[in-house]
Amino acid sequence: MRPDPMRDEILTLREKWQGQPSSLFYQELSDFLFKSGKIAAAMNLMEKALKADADPEIDSGAGLEDGARWFRRGLEYADACLYEEACVCLNRALEAGCENFEAHYCLAGVYKSLGGIGEAKKHCRKSLEYNPNFAPAFILLGSITKLEGAYAESAGAAKKALLIDPDCAPAYYDLACYYALDGEEDKALMAFEMALAKGFCDFDWAGQDPDLGGIRHLQEFRLLLATYASKKG
């Protein structure tokens, strides 16, 4: 997973304003989001900053909004790496009747980002109950189980995604990572080549991704990376 400088900055601001009035944190955070181009999330936070001692759980004293509005707000916060706020909003979307595969899928991603692996898996599987042909949920499930070291389970999830979408380059790339982490070099190389053939082109990241550390030393890996990078160039 790539480092997330934006999230790191947000966590620094949270620590800075810990124990202080929430409105001060929201004001500085909204300024940061505006500068980062996350306008919708910044506007939501500016609204909170206008309330004295704003509730950190987002409008807890207000009447329950409809599920679609909570869902939309949750997506805005998630896009801005405000996973705590996104989690609150998406759970409220479910409470307000927005019970569908998309809401559970988004919650799974948010919980994963917050380190709540159990909740992430629960919502990911719930998403697949609603829509068993949603390939991104299988891809997400693979990335969640990888955090538990369950590489065979992760590979199985990536394969299910590929059964649904055989041209999905990210699923092939993830599969290569899971095989590499599990010490299956030949399978990892084949999956990595398929990812490149299907359009994966983040060559710089592939060259440093720790998940591919098990095959990066191989001449075949370096040759594949150089060949496709030169074609793209």
C-alpha atoms as a PDB file:
ATOM      1  CA  MET A   1       0.000   0.000   0.000  1.00  0.00           C
ATOM      2  CA  ARG A   2       1.302   3.411  -0.901  1.00  0.00           C
ATOM      3  CA  PRO A   3       2.103   5.882   1.905  1.00  0.00           C
ATOM      4  CA  ASP A   4      -0.650   8.476   2.384  1.00  0.00           C
ATOM      5  CA  PRO A   5       0.835  11.914   3.167  1.00  0.00           C
ATOM      6  CA  MET A   6      -2.626  13.489   3.376  1.00  0.00           C
ATOM      7  CA  ARG A   7      -3.763  11.059   6.031  1.00  0.00           C
ATOM      8  CA  ASP A   8      -0.524  11.596   7.951  1.00  0.00           C
ATOM      9  CA  GLU A   9      -1.179  15.351   8.004  1.00  0.00           C
ATOM     10  CA  ILE A  10      -4.723  14.808   9.250  1.00  0.00           C
ATOM     11  CA  LEU A  11      -3.518  12.573  12.067  1.00  0.00           C
ATOM     12  CA  THR A  12      -0.973  15.239  13.025  1.00  0.00           C
ATOM     13  CA  LEU A  13      -3.754  17.828  13.244  1.00  0.00           C
ATOM     14  CA  ARG A  14      -5.905  15.487  15.342  1.00  0.00           C
ATOM     15  CA  GLU A  15      -3.048  15.032  17.775  1.00  0.00           C
ATOM     16  CA  LYS A  16      -2.366  18.758  17.864  1.00  0.00           C
ATOM     17  CA  TRP A  17      -5.959  19.616  18.838  1.00  0.00           C
ATOM     18  CA  GLN A  18      -6.611  16.634  21.105  1.00  0.00           C
ATOM     19  CA  GLY A  19      -8.473  17.782  24.199  1.00  0.00           C
ATOM     20  CA  GLN A  20      -9.205  21.195  22.674  1.00  0.00           C
ATOM     21  CA  PRO A  21     -12.570  22.538  21.393  1.00  0.00           C
ATOM     22  CA  SER A  22     -13.577  20.628  18.282  1.00  0.00           C
ATOM     23  CA  SER A  23     -14.372  23.845  16.417  1.00  0.00           C
ATOM     24  CA  LEU A  24     -10.679  24.834  16.419  1.00  0.00           C
ATOM     25  CA  PHE A  25      -9.673  21.481  14.951  1.00  0.00           C
ATOM     26  CA  TYR A  26     -12.400  21.674  12.302  1.00  0.00           C
ATOM     27  CA  GLN A  27     -11.351  25.167  11.265  1.00  0.00           C
ATOM     28  CA  GLU A  28      -7.716  24.247  10.686  1.00  0.00           C
ATOM     29  CA  LEU A  29      -8.631  20.933   9.100  1.00  0.00           C
ATOM     30  CA  SER A  30     -11.124  22.527   6.709  1.00  0.00           C
ATOM     31  CA  ASP A  31      -8.432  24.996   5.578  1.00  0.00           C
ATOM     32  CA  PHE A  32      -6.102  22.087   4.900  1.00  0.00           C
ATOM     33  CA  LEU A  33      -8.791  20.247   2.931  1.00  0.00           C
ATOM     34  CA  PHE A  34      -9.568  23.304   0.822  1.00  0.00           C
ATOM     35  CA  LYS A  35      -5.906  23.615  -0.126  1.00  0.00           C
ATOM     36  CA  SER A  36      -5.878  19.892  -0.953  1.00  0.00           C
ATOM     37  CA  GLY A  37      -8.853  20.259  -3.300  1.00  0.00           C
ATOM     38  CA  LYS A  38     -11.301  18.305  -1.084  1.00  0.00           C
ATOM     39  CA  ILE A  39     -13.939  21.028  -1.254  1.00  0.00           C
ATOM     40  CA  ALA A  40     -17.049  19.052  -0.259  1.00  0.00           C
ATOM     41  CA  ALA A  41     -15.455  17.619   2.883  1.00  0.00           C
ATOM     42  CA  ALA A  42     -14.033  21.044   3.753  1.00  0.00           C
ATOM     43  CA  MET A  43     -17.487  22.620   3.474  1.00  0.00           C
ATOM     44  CA  ASN A  44     -18.964  19.961   5.766  1.00  0.00           C
ATOM     45  CA  LEU A  45     -16.294  20.656   8.354  1.00  0.00           C
ATOM     46  CA  MET A  46     -16.737  24.429   8.064  1.00  0.00           C
ATOM     47  CA  GLU A  47     -20.397  23.881   8.902  1.00  0.00           C
ATOM     48  CA  LYS A  48     -19.343  22.031  12.060  1.00  0.00           C
ATOM     49  CA  ALA A  49     -16.854  24.770  12.943  1.00  0.00           C
ATOM     50  CA  LEU A  50     -19.704  27.301  13.125  1.00  0.00           C
ATOM     51  CA  LYS A  51     -21.179  25.354  16.051  1.00  0.00           C
ATOM     52  CA  ALA A  52     -19.601  25.984  19.450  1.00  0.00           C
ATOM     53  CA  ASP A  53     -17.875  22.839  20.700  1.00  0.00           C
ATOM     54  CA  ALA A  54     -19.010  20.867  17.666  1.00  0.00           C
ATOM     55  CA  ASP A  55     -19.872  17.233  18.259  1.00  0.00           C
ATOM     56  CA  PRO A  56     -17.002  15.032  17.011  1.00  0.00           C
ATOM     57  CA  GLU A  57     -19.553  12.415  15.974  1.00  0.00           C
ATOM     58  CA  ILE A  58     -21.154  14.677  13.373  1.00  0.00           C
ATOM     59  CA  ASP A  59     -24.537  16.215  14.164  1.00  0.00           C
ATOM     60  CA  SER A  60     -25.358  13.829  16.983  1.00  0.00           C
ATOM     61  CA  GLY A  61     -28.013  16.227  18.285  1.00  0.00           C
ATOM     62  CA  ALA A  62     -29.624  16.855  14.924  1.00  0.00           C
ATOM     63  CA  GLY A  63     -32.572  14.987  13.479  1.00  0.00           C
ATOM     64  CA  LEU A  64     -31.739  11.903  11.472  1.00  0.00           C
ATOM     65  CA  GLU A  65     -31.127  12.754   7.849  1.00  0.00           C
ATOM     66  CA  ASP A  66     -32.130  10.392   5.073  1.00  0.00           C
ATOM     67  CA  GLY A  67     -29.742   7.563   4.232  1.00  0.00           C
ATOM     68  CA  ALA A  68     -28.691   8.941   0.864  1.00  0.00           C
ATOM     69  CA  ARG A  69     -27.456  12.199   2.405  1.00  0.00           C
ATOM     70  CA  TRP A  70     -25.486  10.399   5.102  1.00  0.00           C
ATOM     71  CA  PHE A  71     -24.029   8.093   2.464  1.00  0.00           C
ATOM     72  CA  ARG A  72     -22.963  10.996   0.264  1.00  0.00           C
ATOM     73  CA  ARG A  73     -21.394  12.805   3.187  1.00  0.00           C
ATOM     74  CA  GLY A  74     -19.585   9.612   4.205  1.00  0.00           C
ATOM     75  CA  LEU A  75     -18.104   9.303   0.725  1.00  0.00           C
ATOM     76  CA  GLU A  76     -16.934  12.910   0.838  1.00  0.00           C
ATOM     77  CA  TYR A  77     -15.153  12.334   4.122  1.00  0.00           C
ATOM     78  CA  ALA A  78     -13.646   9.047   2.962  1.00  0.00           C
ATOM     79  CA  ASP A  79     -12.323  10.727  -0.181  1.00  0.00           C
ATOM     80  CA  ALA A  80     -10.628  13.286   2.051  1.00  0.00           C
ATOM     81  CA  CYS A  81      -9.079  10.547   4.244  1.00  0.00           C
ATOM     82  CA  LEU A  82     -11.295  11.567   7.176  1.00  0.00           C
ATOM     83  CA  TYR A  83     -12.072   7.972   8.007  1.00  0.00           C
ATOM     84  CA  GLU A  84     -13.393   8.570  11.522  1.00  0.00           C
ATOM     85  CA  GLU A  85     -16.023  10.998  10.227  1.00  0.00           C
ATOM     86  CA  ALA A  86     -16.746   8.758   7.236  1.00  0.00           C
ATOM     87  CA  CYS A  87     -17.343   5.797   9.534  1.00  0.00           C
ATOM     88  CA  VAL A  88     -19.910   7.723  11.583  1.00  0.00           C
ATOM     89  CA  CYS A  89     -21.758   8.967   8.500  1.00  0.00           C
ATOM     90  CA  LEU A  90     -21.840   5.614   6.708  1.00  0.00           C
ATOM     91  CA  ASN A  91     -23.123   3.832   9.805  1.00  0.00           C
ATOM     92  CA  ARG A  92     -25.853   6.458  10.058  1.00  0.00           C
ATOM     93  CA  ALA A  93     -26.662   5.854   6.412  1.00  0.00           C
ATOM     94  CA  LEU A  94     -27.328   2.217   7.285  1.00  0.00           C
ATOM     95  CA  GLU A  95     -29.441   3.224  10.281  1.00  0.00           C
ATOM     96  CA  ALA A  96     -31.459   5.534   8.020  1.00  0.00           C
ATOM     97  CA  GLY A  97     -32.244   2.723   5.598  1.00  0.00           C
ATOM     98  CA  CYS A  98     -29.409   2.963   3.086  1.00  0.00           C
ATOM     99  CA  GLU A  99     -28.824  -0.786   3.290  1.00  0.00           C
ATOM    100  CA  ASN A 100     -27.107  -1.888   0.074  1.00  0.00           C
ATOM    101  CA  PHE A 101     -23.874  -3.355  -1.240  1.00  0.00           C
ATOM    102  CA  GLU A 102     -22.327   0.059  -1.836  1.00  0.00           C
ATOM    103  CA  ALA A 103     -22.778   1.267   1.741  1.00  0.00           C
ATOM    104  CA  HIS A 104     -21.298  -1.923   3.178  1.00  0.00           C
ATOM    105  CA  TYR A 105     -18.448  -1.870   0.647  1.00  0.00           C
ATOM    106  CA  CYS A 106     -17.530   1.707   1.562  1.00  0.00           C
ATOM    107  CA  LEU A 107     -17.731   0.929   5.276  1.00  0.00           C
ATOM    108  CA  ALA A 108     -15.440  -2.054   4.761  1.00  0.00           C
ATOM    109  CA  GLY A 109     -12.833   0.199   3.160  1.00  0.00           C
ATOM    110  CA  VAL A 110     -13.139   2.795   5.913  1.00  0.00           C
ATOM    111  CA  TYR A 111     -12.806   0.221   8.696  1.00  0.00           C
ATOM    112  CA  LYS A 112      -9.781  -1.255   6.943  1.00  0.00           C
ATOM    113  CA  SER A 113      -8.153   2.184   6.862  1.00  0.00           C
ATOM    114  CA  LEU A 114      -8.889   2.574  10.576  1.00  0.00           C
ATOM    115  CA  GLY A 115      -7.394  -0.822  11.385  1.00  0.00           C
ATOM    116  CA  GLY A 116     -10.733  -2.425  12.269  1.00  0.00           C
ATOM    117  CA  ILE A 117     -10.083  -5.659  10.386  1.00  0.00           C
ATOM    118  CA  GLY A 118     -12.983  -7.606  11.914  1.00  0.00           C
ATOM    119  CA  GLU A 119     -15.531  -4.932  11.030  1.00  0.00           C
ATOM    120  CA  ALA A 120     -13.952  -4.493   7.600  1.00  0.00           C
ATOM    121  CA  LYS A 121     -14.366  -8.185   6.794  1.00  0.00           C
ATOM    122  CA  LYS A 122     -17.926  -8.214   8.133  1.00  0.00           C
ATOM    123  CA  HIS A 123     -19.044  -5.339   5.927  1.00  0.00           C
ATOM    124  CA  CYS A 124     -17.135  -6.618   2.902  1.00  0.00           C
ATOM    125  CA  ARG A 125     -18.888  -9.971   3.132  1.00  0.00           C
ATOM    126  CA  LYS A 126     -22.202  -8.212   3.711  1.00  0.00           C
ATOM    127  CA  SER A 127     -21.593  -6.257   0.513  1.00  0.00           C
ATOM    128  CA  LEU A 128     -21.069  -9.521  -1.344  1.00  0.00           C
ATOM    129  CA  GLU A 129     -24.291 -10.925   0.110  1.00  0.00           C
ATOM    130  CA  TYR A 130     -26.135  -8.063  -1.551  1.00  0.00           C
ATOM    131  CA  ASN A 131     -24.128  -8.266  -4.778  1.00  0.00           C
ATOM    132  CA  PRO A 132     -22.078 -11.467  -5.244  1.00  0.00           C
ATOM    133  CA  ASN A 133     -20.893 -10.279  -8.669  1.00  0.00           C
ATOM    134  CA  PHE A 134     -19.233  -7.095  -7.398  1.00  0.00           C
ATOM    135  CA  ALA A 135     -15.571  -7.707  -8.222  1.00  0.00           C
ATOM    136  CA  PRO A 136     -14.198  -4.707  -6.235  1.00  0.00           C
ATOM    137  CA  ALA A 137     -15.561  -6.240  -3.017  1.00  0.00           C
ATOM    138  CA  PHE A 138     -13.542  -9.408  -3.631  1.00  0.00           C
ATOM    139  CA  ILE A 139     -10.460  -7.278  -4.321  1.00  0.00           C
ATOM    140  CA  LEU A 140     -11.043  -5.394  -1.068  1.00  0.00           C
ATOM    141  CA  LEU A 141     -11.625  -8.636   0.840  1.00  0.00           C
ATOM    142  CA  GLY A 142      -8.273  -9.915  -0.418  1.00  0.00           C
ATOM    143  CA  SER A 143      -6.488  -6.792   0.803  1.00  0.00           C
ATOM    144  CA  ILE A 144      -8.178  -7.085   4.210  1.00  0.00           C
ATOM    145  CA  THR A 145      -7.285 -10.738   4.771  1.00  0.00           C
ATOM    146  CA  LYS A 146      -3.722  -9.967   3.666  1.00  0.00           C
ATOM    147  CA  LEU A 147      -3.388  -7.827   6.783  1.00  0.00           C
ATOM    148  CA  GLU A 148      -4.006 -10.976   8.825  1.00  0.00           C
ATOM    149  CA  GLY A 149      -1.326 -12.882   6.914  1.00  0.00           C
ATOM    150  CA  ALA A 150      -3.981 -15.121   5.317  1.00  0.00           C
ATOM    151  CA  TYR A 151      -2.315 -15.009   1.891  1.00  0.00           C
ATOM    152  CA  ALA A 152      -4.048 -18.109   0.500  1.00  0.00           C
ATOM    153  CA  GLU A 153      -7.424 -16.615   1.427  1.00  0.00           C
ATOM    154  CA  SER A 154      -6.389 -13.324  -0.159  1.00  0.00           C
ATOM    155  CA  ALA A 155      -5.369 -15.094  -3.363  1.00  0.00           C
ATOM    156  CA  GLY A 156      -8.721 -16.893  -3.414  1.00  0.00           C
ATOM    157  CA  ALA A 157     -10.571 -13.578  -3.189  1.00  0.00           C
ATOM    158  CA  ALA A 158      -8.503 -12.102  -6.037  1.00  0.00           C
ATOM    159  CA  LYS A 159      -9.258 -15.150  -8.190  1.00  0.00           C
ATOM    160  CA  LYS A 160     -12.986 -14.703  -7.573  1.00  0.00           C
ATOM    161  CA  ALA A 161     -12.669 -11.110  -8.731  1.00  0.00           C
ATOM    162  CA  LEU A 162     -10.988 -12.350 -11.912  1.00  0.00           C
ATOM    163  CA  LEU A 163     -13.761 -14.846 -12.556  1.00  0.00           C
ATOM    164  CA  ILE A 164     -16.133 -11.877 -12.634  1.00  0.00           C
ATOM    165  CA  ASP A 165     -13.772  -9.539 -14.509  1.00  0.00           C
ATOM    166  CA  PRO A 166     -11.014 -11.455 -16.348  1.00  0.00           C
ATOM    167  CA  ASP A 167      -9.429  -8.211 -17.586  1.00  0.00           C
ATOM    168  CA  CYS A 168      -9.017  -6.628 -14.138  1.00  0.00           C
ATOM    169  CA  ALA A 169      -5.370  -5.578 -13.934  1.00  0.00           C
ATOM    170  CA  PRO A 170      -5.532  -4.585 -10.220  1.00  0.00           C
ATOM    171  CA  ALA A 171      -6.789  -8.062  -9.304  1.00  0.00           C
ATOM    172  CA  TYR A 172      -3.881  -9.680 -11.151  1.00  0.00           C
ATOM    173  CA  TYR A 173      -1.460  -7.300  -9.464  1.00  0.00           C
ATOM    174  CA  ASP A 174      -2.868  -8.091  -6.027  1.00  0.00           C
ATOM    175  CA  LEU A 175      -2.714 -11.789  -6.820  1.00  0.00           C
ATOM    176  CA  ALA A 176       0.975 -11.416  -7.681  1.00  0.00           C
ATOM    177  CA  CYS A 177       1.519  -9.727  -4.307  1.00  0.00           C
ATOM    178  CA  TYR A 178      -0.243 -12.494  -2.385  1.00  0.00           C
ATOM    179  CA  TYR A 179       1.724 -15.212  -4.168  1.00  0.00           C
ATOM    180  CA  ALA A 180       4.974 -13.325  -3.576  1.00  0.00           C
ATOM    181  CA  LEU A 181       4.185 -12.908   0.114  1.00  0.00           C
ATOM    182  CA  ASP A 182       3.415 -16.627   0.320  1.00  0.00           C
ATOM    183  CA  GLY A 183       6.717 -17.585  -1.314  1.00  0.00           C
ATOM    184  CA  GLU A 184       5.199 -18.842  -4.589  1.00  0.00           C
ATOM    185  CA  GLU A 185       7.591 -17.125  -6.984  1.00  0.00           C
ATOM    186  CA  ASP A 186       6.490 -18.760 -10.248  1.00  0.00           C
ATOM    187  CA  LYS A 187       2.814 -18.029  -9.663  1.00  0.00           C
ATOM    188  CA  ALA A 188       3.655 -14.488  -8.574  1.00  0.00           C
ATOM    189  CA  LEU A 189       5.615 -13.842 -11.766  1.00  0.00           C
ATOM    190  CA  MET A 190       2.817 -15.194 -13.951  1.00  0.00           C
ATOM    191  CA  ALA A 191       0.224 -13.060 -12.168  1.00  0.00           C
ATOM    192  CA  PHE A 192       2.468  -9.992 -12.383  1.00  0.00           C
ATOM    193  CA  GLU A 193       2.947 -10.508 -16.128  1.00  0.00           C
ATOM    194  CA  MET A 194      -0.826 -10.773 -16.557  1.00  0.00           C
ATOM    195  CA  ALA A 195      -1.286  -7.533 -14.601  1.00  0.00           C
ATOM    196  CA  LEU A 196       1.111  -5.775 -16.960  1.00  0.00           C
ATOM    197  CA  ALA A 197      -0.532  -7.314 -20.024  1.00  0.00           C
ATOM    198  CA  LYS A 198      -3.967  -6.148 -18.821  1.00  0.00           C
ATOM    199  CA  GLY A 199      -2.778  -2.572 -18.414  1.00  0.00           C
ATOM    200  CA  PHE A 200      -1.134  -2.138 -15.021  1.00  0.00           C
ATOM    201  CA  CYS A 201       1.331   0.713 -15.508  1.00  0.00           C
ATOM    202  CA  ASP A 202       2.414   2.026 -12.099  1.00  0.00           C
ATOM    203  CA  PHE A 203       5.939   0.800 -12.737  1.00  0.00           C
ATOM    204  CA  ASP A 204       7.601   3.008 -10.125  1.00  0.00           C
ATOM    205  CA  TRP A 205       5.427   1.586  -7.371  1.00  0.00           C
ATOM    206  CA  ALA A 206       5.851  -2.004  -8.573  1.00  0.00           C
ATOM    207  CA  GLY A 207       9.598  -1.496  -8.359  1.00  0.00           C
ATOM    208  CA  GLN A 208       9.392  -0.664  -4.643  1.00  0.00           C
ATOM    209  CA  ASP A 209       6.175  -2.299  -3.400  1.00  0.00           C
ATOM    210  CA  PRO A 210       7.187  -4.302  -0.309  1.00  0.00           C
ATOM    211  CA  ASP A 211       4.524  -6.903  -1.119  1.00  0.00           C
ATOM    212  CA  LEU A 212       6.530  -7.852  -4.213  1.00  0.00           C
ATOM    213  CA  GLY A 213       9.790  -8.095  -2.295  1.00  0.00           C
ATOM    214  CA  GLY A 214       9.800 -11.865  -2.708  1.00  0.00           C
ATOM    215  CA  ILE A 215      10.229 -11.642  -6.486  1.00  0.00           C
ATOM    216  CA  ARG A 216      11.877  -8.258  -7.034  1.00  0.00           C
ATOM    217  CA  HIS A 217      15.343  -9.843  -6.969  1.00  0.00           C
ATOM    218  CA  LEU A 218      14.480 -12.158  -9.862  1.00  0.00           C
ATOM    219  CA  GLN A 219      15.837 -11.345 -13.303  1.00  0.00           C
ATOM    220  CA  GLU A 220      12.482 -12.282 -14.840  1.00  0.00           C
ATOM    221  CA  PHE A 221      10.722  -9.656 -12.724  1.00  0.00           C
ATOM    222  CA  ARG A 222      13.181  -6.917 -13.652  1.00  0.00           C
ATOM    223  CA  LEU A 223      12.929  -7.845 -17.324  1.00  0.00           C
ATOM    224  CA  LEU A 224       9.123  -7.758 -17.289  1.00  0.00           C
ATOM    225  CA  LEU A 225       9.103  -4.398 -15.569  1.00  0.00           C
ATOM    226  CA  ALA A 226      11.667  -2.888 -17.941  1.00  0.00           C
ATOM    227  CA  THR A 227       9.961  -4.278 -21.057  1.00  0.00           C
ATOM    228  CA  TYR A 228       6.500  -2.941 -20.261  1.00  0.00           C
ATOM    229  CA  ALA A 229       7.854   0.364 -18.967  1.00  0.00           C
ATOM    230  CA  SER A 230       9.708   0.910 -22.229  1.00  0.00           C
ATOM    231  CA  LYS A 231       6.553   0.121 -24.221  1.00  0.00           C
ATOM    232  CA  LYS A 232       4.577   2.618 -22.171  1.00  0.00           C
ATOM    233  CA  GLY A 233       7.314   5.202 -22.592  1.00  0.00           C
END
